[in-house]
Amino acid sequence: MKKAFTGISNKFKKVSINIFYISKRILSFRYTLLLLLFFLWMTFLDTNSFLIHKELNDDINMLESQKKELEKKIFSDKQMIDNLNNLDSMEVYGRKNYNLKKENETIYHIEILDTL
């Protein structure tokens, strides 16, 4: 019985020595481990993570491009308003876009069909 306990105690000592050696190796690289954990935390888990910042930057870029398109549209609308201040250009615009006509005037629409 004593031999069984000594065999088990020897195995236990070997396992505990191995665990102690592994824990000592890990603790010797504790700064590396801490940096690794920090970068993992900042990349994936934090509320201000790099992934969220990337999504927000993509949203900002999309909104800036949308803003540029809307500014171009505003510029073209301002030009249209400036052109429509003239009575003759307003008449031409009305005739083209809304098919307006003067009194006692007949308008003929001619469609040219392609014969090919």
N, C-alpha and C. Protein backbone atom coordinates (compact mmCIF):
# COMPACT_ATOMS: atom_id res chain seq x y z
N MET A 1 0.83 -1.19 0.00
CA MET A 1 0.00 0.00 0.00
C MET A 1 0.87 1.25 0.00
N LYS A 2 1.97 1.15 0.72
CA LYS A 2 2.86 2.29 0.80
C LYS A 2 3.51 2.58 -0.54
N LYS A 3 3.79 1.49 -1.33
CA LYS A 3 4.38 1.67 -2.65
C LYS A 3 3.41 2.37 -3.59
N ALA A 4 2.12 2.07 -3.46
CA ALA A 4 1.11 2.70 -4.31
C ALA A 4 1.04 4.20 -4.03
N PHE A 5 1.09 4.56 -2.73
CA PHE A 5 1.05 5.97 -2.38
C PHE A 5 2.31 6.70 -2.83
N THR A 6 3.43 6.04 -2.75
CA THR A 6 4.67 6.70 -3.19
C THR A 6 4.68 6.86 -4.70
N GLY A 7 4.13 5.88 -5.42
CA GLY A 7 4.04 6.00 -6.88
C GLY A 7 3.13 7.14 -7.29
N ILE A 8 1.99 7.22 -6.59
CA ILE A 8 1.05 8.31 -6.89
C ILE A 8 1.65 9.65 -6.50
N SER A 9 2.34 9.70 -5.38
CA SER A 9 2.93 10.96 -4.94
C SER A 9 4.05 11.38 -5.89
N ASN A 10 4.80 10.42 -6.44
CA ASN A 10 5.85 10.76 -7.41
C ASN A 10 5.23 11.33 -8.70
N LYS A 11 4.14 10.69 -9.16
CA LYS A 11 3.46 11.20 -10.36
C LYS A 11 2.89 12.59 -10.10
N PHE A 12 2.33 12.77 -8.92
CA PHE A 12 1.78 14.07 -8.55
C PHE A 12 2.88 15.13 -8.52
N LYS A 13 4.05 14.76 -8.01
CA LYS A 13 5.17 15.71 -7.97
C LYS A 13 5.60 16.08 -9.39
N LYS A 14 5.67 15.08 -10.29
CA LYS A 14 6.07 15.36 -11.67
C LYS A 14 5.07 16.29 -12.35
N VAL A 15 3.78 16.02 -12.14
CA VAL A 15 2.75 16.88 -12.74
C VAL A 15 2.82 18.28 -12.16
N SER A 16 2.99 18.38 -10.85
CA SER A 16 3.05 19.70 -10.23
C SER A 16 4.31 20.45 -10.67
N ILE A 17 5.42 19.73 -10.88
CA ILE A 17 6.64 20.38 -11.38
C ILE A 17 6.41 20.89 -12.80
N ASN A 18 5.74 20.09 -13.63
CA ASN A 18 5.44 20.52 -15.01
C ASN A 18 4.52 21.74 -15.01
N ILE A 19 3.50 21.73 -14.16
CA ILE A 19 2.59 22.87 -14.07
C ILE A 19 3.33 24.11 -13.59
N PHE A 20 4.20 23.93 -12.60
CA PHE A 20 4.99 25.04 -12.09
C PHE A 20 5.90 25.60 -13.19
N TYR A 21 6.52 24.72 -13.98
CA TYR A 21 7.41 25.15 -15.05
C TYR A 21 6.62 25.92 -16.12
N ILE A 22 5.46 25.42 -16.49
CA ILE A 22 4.63 26.09 -17.51
C ILE A 22 4.16 27.44 -17.00
N SER A 23 3.70 27.50 -15.74
CA SER A 23 3.24 28.77 -15.19
C SER A 23 4.39 29.77 -15.07
N LYS A 24 5.59 29.29 -14.77
CA LYS A 24 6.75 30.17 -14.68
C LYS A 24 7.09 30.72 -16.06
N ARG A 25 6.97 29.90 -17.11
CA ARG A 25 7.23 30.35 -18.48
C ARG A 25 6.18 31.40 -18.91
N ILE A 26 4.95 31.15 -18.54
CA ILE A 26 3.90 32.11 -18.90
C ILE A 26 4.11 33.42 -18.17
N LEU A 27 4.45 33.36 -16.89
CA LEU A 27 4.65 34.58 -16.13
C LEU A 27 5.89 35.33 -16.60
N SER A 28 6.86 34.64 -17.16
CA SER A 28 8.03 35.34 -17.68
C SER A 28 7.68 36.16 -18.92
N PHE A 29 6.63 35.78 -19.62
CA PHE A 29 6.17 36.54 -20.79
C PHE A 29 4.89 37.30 -20.45
N ARG A 30 4.75 37.75 -19.24
CA ARG A 30 3.50 38.39 -18.83
C ARG A 30 3.24 39.70 -19.56
N TYR A 31 4.32 40.44 -19.87
CA TYR A 31 4.10 41.69 -20.58
C TYR A 31 3.64 41.43 -22.01
N THR A 32 4.20 40.42 -22.62
CA THR A 32 3.76 40.05 -23.96
C THR A 32 2.30 39.58 -23.91
N LEU A 33 1.99 38.79 -22.92
CA LEU A 33 0.62 38.31 -22.77
C LEU A 33 -0.35 39.48 -22.52
N LEU A 34 0.07 40.42 -21.68
CA LEU A 34 -0.78 41.58 -21.42
C LEU A 34 -0.99 42.42 -22.67
N LEU A 35 0.06 42.62 -23.45
CA LEU A 35 -0.09 43.36 -24.70
C LEU A 35 -1.01 42.63 -25.67
N LEU A 36 -0.87 41.33 -25.75
CA LEU A 36 -1.74 40.55 -26.62
C LEU A 36 -3.20 40.66 -26.18
N LEU A 37 -3.44 40.54 -24.90
CA LEU A 37 -4.81 40.67 -24.38
C LEU A 37 -5.35 42.08 -24.61
N PHE A 38 -4.49 43.10 -24.44
CA PHE A 38 -4.91 44.48 -24.68
C PHE A 38 -5.33 44.68 -26.13
N PHE A 39 -4.52 44.21 -27.07
CA PHE A 39 -4.86 44.37 -28.48
C PHE A 39 -6.11 43.59 -28.86
N LEU A 40 -6.28 42.41 -28.32
CA LEU A 40 -7.50 41.66 -28.57
C LEU A 40 -8.71 42.41 -28.03
N TRP A 41 -8.57 42.94 -26.84
CA TRP A 41 -9.67 43.69 -26.22
C TRP A 41 -10.02 44.92 -27.07
N MET A 42 -9.01 45.69 -27.46
CA MET A 42 -9.25 46.92 -28.22
C MET A 42 -9.77 46.63 -29.63
N THR A 43 -9.41 45.50 -30.18
CA THR A 43 -9.84 45.19 -31.54
C THR A 43 -11.27 44.68 -31.58
N PHE A 44 -11.65 43.84 -30.67
CA PHE A 44 -12.93 43.16 -30.78
C PHE A 44 -13.94 43.48 -29.68
N LEU A 45 -13.51 43.66 -28.46
CA LEU A 45 -14.45 43.65 -27.33
C LEU A 45 -14.84 45.02 -26.80
N ASP A 46 -14.03 46.02 -26.97
CA ASP A 46 -14.29 47.32 -26.38
C ASP A 46 -15.41 48.04 -27.13
N THR A 47 -16.10 48.96 -26.45
CA THR A 47 -17.17 49.71 -27.11
C THR A 47 -16.60 50.70 -28.12
N ASN A 48 -15.34 51.07 -27.97
CA ASN A 48 -14.67 51.94 -28.93
C ASN A 48 -13.63 51.15 -29.71
N SER A 49 -13.98 49.96 -30.13
CA SER A 49 -13.02 49.08 -30.78
C SER A 49 -12.66 49.58 -32.18
N PHE A 50 -11.61 49.02 -32.72
CA PHE A 50 -11.16 49.40 -34.05
C PHE A 50 -12.20 49.04 -35.11
N LEU A 51 -12.91 47.96 -34.91
CA LEU A 51 -13.92 47.55 -35.88
C LEU A 51 -15.06 48.56 -35.94
N ILE A 52 -15.48 49.07 -34.78
CA ILE A 52 -16.54 50.07 -34.75
C ILE A 52 -16.05 51.37 -35.38
N HIS A 53 -14.78 51.73 -35.12
CA HIS A 53 -14.22 52.93 -35.74
C HIS A 53 -14.18 52.79 -37.26
N LYS A 54 -13.86 51.60 -37.74
CA LYS A 54 -13.83 51.38 -39.18
C LYS A 54 -15.23 51.53 -39.78
N GLU A 55 -16.24 50.98 -39.14
CA GLU A 55 -17.62 51.13 -39.61
C GLU A 55 -18.05 52.60 -39.62
N LEU A 56 -17.68 53.31 -38.57
CA LEU A 56 -18.05 54.73 -38.49
C LEU A 56 -17.34 55.54 -39.57
N ASN A 57 -16.07 55.23 -39.84
CA ASN A 57 -15.35 55.93 -40.90
C ASN A 57 -15.96 55.63 -42.27
N ASP A 58 -16.41 54.41 -42.48
CA ASP A 58 -17.08 54.08 -43.74
C ASP A 58 -18.38 54.86 -43.88
N ASP A 59 -19.12 54.99 -42.78
CA ASP A 59 -20.36 55.78 -42.81
C ASP A 59 -20.07 57.25 -43.10
N ILE A 60 -18.99 57.78 -42.51
CA ILE A 60 -18.62 59.18 -42.74
C ILE A 60 -18.27 59.39 -44.20
N ASN A 61 -17.51 58.47 -44.78
CA ASN A 61 -17.14 58.60 -46.20
C ASN A 61 -18.37 58.54 -47.10
N MET A 62 -19.31 57.64 -46.79
CA MET A 62 -20.52 57.54 -47.58
C MET A 62 -21.34 58.84 -47.49
N LEU A 63 -21.46 59.38 -46.28
CA LEU A 63 -22.23 60.62 -46.11
C LEU A 63 -21.56 61.80 -46.78
N GLU A 64 -20.22 61.84 -46.78
CA GLU A 64 -19.52 62.93 -47.46
C GLU A 64 -19.74 62.86 -48.97
N SER A 65 -19.72 61.66 -49.53
CA SER A 65 -19.97 61.54 -50.97
C SER A 65 -21.41 61.93 -51.29
N GLN A 66 -22.34 61.55 -50.42
CA GLN A 66 -23.74 61.94 -50.61
C GLN A 66 -23.89 63.46 -50.52
N LYS A 67 -23.13 64.08 -49.62
CA LYS A 67 -23.17 65.53 -49.47
C LYS A 67 -22.68 66.22 -50.74
N LYS A 68 -21.60 65.68 -51.34
CA LYS A 68 -21.08 66.26 -52.58
C LYS A 68 -22.11 66.16 -53.71
N GLU A 69 -22.78 65.02 -53.81
CA GLU A 69 -23.80 64.86 -54.84
C GLU A 69 -24.95 65.85 -54.63
N LEU A 70 -25.36 66.02 -53.37
CA LEU A 70 -26.45 66.96 -53.10
C LEU A 70 -26.03 68.40 -53.35
N GLU A 71 -24.76 68.73 -53.09
CA GLU A 71 -24.28 70.08 -53.39
C GLU A 71 -24.29 70.33 -54.89
N LYS A 72 -23.92 69.31 -55.69
CA LYS A 72 -24.00 69.46 -57.15
C LYS A 72 -25.44 69.68 -57.59
N LYS A 73 -26.37 68.95 -56.98
CA LYS A 73 -27.78 69.11 -57.34
C LYS A 73 -28.29 70.49 -56.94
N ILE A 74 -27.86 70.99 -55.79
CA ILE A 74 -28.25 72.34 -55.36
C ILE A 74 -27.72 73.38 -56.35
N PHE A 75 -26.47 73.19 -56.79
CA PHE A 75 -25.87 74.12 -57.75
C PHE A 75 -26.66 74.13 -59.06
N SER A 76 -27.01 72.93 -59.55
CA SER A 76 -27.78 72.87 -60.80
C SER A 76 -29.18 73.48 -60.61
N ASP A 77 -29.79 73.29 -59.45
CA ASP A 77 -31.10 73.89 -59.19
C ASP A 77 -31.01 75.41 -59.13
N LYS A 78 -29.92 75.92 -58.54
CA LYS A 78 -29.74 77.38 -58.51
C LYS A 78 -29.58 77.94 -59.91
N GLN A 79 -28.84 77.21 -60.75
CA GLN A 79 -28.71 77.66 -62.14
C GLN A 79 -30.06 77.65 -62.84
N MET A 80 -30.85 76.62 -62.57
CA MET A 80 -32.19 76.53 -63.18
C MET A 80 -33.05 77.70 -62.72
N ILE A 81 -32.99 78.06 -61.45
CA ILE A 81 -33.77 79.18 -60.92
C ILE A 81 -33.31 80.48 -61.58
N ASP A 82 -31.99 80.64 -61.73
CA ASP A 82 -31.48 81.85 -62.39
C ASP A 82 -31.96 81.91 -63.84
N ASN A 83 -31.98 80.78 -64.51
CA ASN A 83 -32.45 80.76 -65.90
C ASN A 83 -33.94 81.05 -65.99
N LEU A 84 -34.71 80.59 -65.02
CA LEU A 84 -36.17 80.78 -65.07
C LEU A 84 -36.61 82.18 -64.66
N ASN A 85 -35.68 83.01 -64.20
CA ASN A 85 -36.04 84.41 -63.89
C ASN A 85 -36.37 85.18 -65.16
N ASN A 86 -35.83 84.75 -66.29
CA ASN A 86 -36.13 85.38 -67.57
C ASN A 86 -37.45 84.81 -68.10
N LEU A 87 -38.32 85.67 -68.57
CA LEU A 87 -39.65 85.25 -69.02
C LEU A 87 -39.58 84.36 -70.26
N ASP A 88 -38.66 84.65 -71.17
CA ASP A 88 -38.54 83.84 -72.39
C ASP A 88 -38.06 82.43 -72.06
N SER A 89 -37.10 82.33 -71.18
CA SER A 89 -36.59 81.00 -70.84
C SER A 89 -37.63 80.22 -70.04
N MET A 90 -38.48 80.93 -69.28
CA MET A 90 -39.54 80.25 -68.56
C MET A 90 -40.57 79.68 -69.53
N GLU A 91 -40.83 80.43 -70.61
CA GLU A 91 -41.77 79.95 -71.62
C GLU A 91 -41.22 78.71 -72.32
N VAL A 92 -39.95 78.72 -72.66
CA VAL A 92 -39.32 77.58 -73.32
C VAL A 92 -39.33 76.36 -72.40
N TYR A 93 -39.03 76.57 -71.14
CA TYR A 93 -39.03 75.47 -70.17
C TYR A 93 -40.44 74.87 -70.02
N GLY A 94 -41.44 75.72 -69.94
CA GLY A 94 -42.82 75.25 -69.82
C GLY A 94 -43.27 74.48 -71.05
N ARG A 95 -42.87 74.94 -72.22
CA ARG A 95 -43.25 74.25 -73.45
C ARG A 95 -42.57 72.88 -73.54
N LYS A 96 -41.31 72.81 -73.16
CA LYS A 96 -40.58 71.54 -73.26
C LYS A 96 -41.06 70.51 -72.24
N ASN A 97 -41.17 70.91 -71.00
CA ASN A 97 -41.40 69.95 -69.92
C ASN A 97 -42.87 69.70 -69.60
N TYR A 98 -43.71 70.71 -69.80
CA TYR A 98 -45.11 70.57 -69.39
C TYR A 98 -46.09 70.67 -70.55
N ASN A 99 -45.58 70.73 -71.77
CA ASN A 99 -46.42 70.82 -72.97
C ASN A 99 -47.43 71.96 -72.89
N LEU A 100 -46.98 73.11 -72.43
CA LEU A 100 -47.84 74.29 -72.35
C LEU A 100 -47.94 74.93 -73.72
N LYS A 101 -49.01 75.66 -73.94
CA LYS A 101 -49.20 76.33 -75.22
C LYS A 101 -49.92 77.65 -74.99
N LYS A 102 -49.84 78.50 -75.98
CA LYS A 102 -50.55 79.78 -75.92
C LYS A 102 -52.00 79.56 -76.35
N GLU A 103 -52.83 80.57 -76.12
CA GLU A 103 -54.22 80.47 -76.54
C GLU A 103 -54.29 80.44 -78.07
N ASN A 104 -55.23 79.67 -78.57
CA ASN A 104 -55.46 79.53 -80.01
C ASN A 104 -54.21 79.01 -80.73
N GLU A 105 -53.45 78.17 -80.08
CA GLU A 105 -52.25 77.61 -80.69
C GLU A 105 -52.41 76.09 -80.73
N THR A 106 -52.02 75.48 -81.81
CA THR A 106 -52.10 74.04 -81.95
C THR A 106 -50.69 73.47 -82.00
N ILE A 107 -50.48 72.42 -81.24
CA ILE A 107 -49.15 71.81 -81.19
C ILE A 107 -49.26 70.42 -81.77
N TYR A 108 -48.35 70.11 -82.69
CA TYR A 108 -48.30 68.80 -83.29
C TYR A 108 -47.04 68.08 -82.82
N HIS A 109 -47.22 66.89 -82.31
CA HIS A 109 -46.08 66.06 -81.90
C HIS A 109 -45.77 65.10 -83.03
N ILE A 110 -44.58 65.14 -83.52
CA ILE A 110 -44.17 64.27 -84.62
C ILE A 110 -43.16 63.27 -84.09
N GLU A 111 -43.48 62.02 -84.22
CA GLU A 111 -42.57 60.98 -83.79
C GLU A 111 -41.87 60.40 -85.00
N ILE A 112 -40.58 60.28 -84.92
CA ILE A 112 -39.80 59.72 -86.01
C ILE A 112 -39.43 58.29 -85.60
N LEU A 113 -39.93 57.33 -86.37
CA LEU A 113 -39.66 55.94 -86.05
C LEU A 113 -38.44 55.49 -86.84
N ASP A 114 -37.61 54.71 -86.19
CA ASP A 114 -36.42 54.19 -86.84
C ASP A 114 -36.83 53.00 -87.70
N THR A 115 -36.44 52.99 -88.96
CA THR A 115 -36.89 51.93 -89.88
C THR A 115 -35.92 50.78 -89.96
N LEU A 116 -34.88 50.81 -89.19
CA LEU A 116 -33.91 49.71 -89.26
C LEU A 116 -34.43 48.55 -88.55
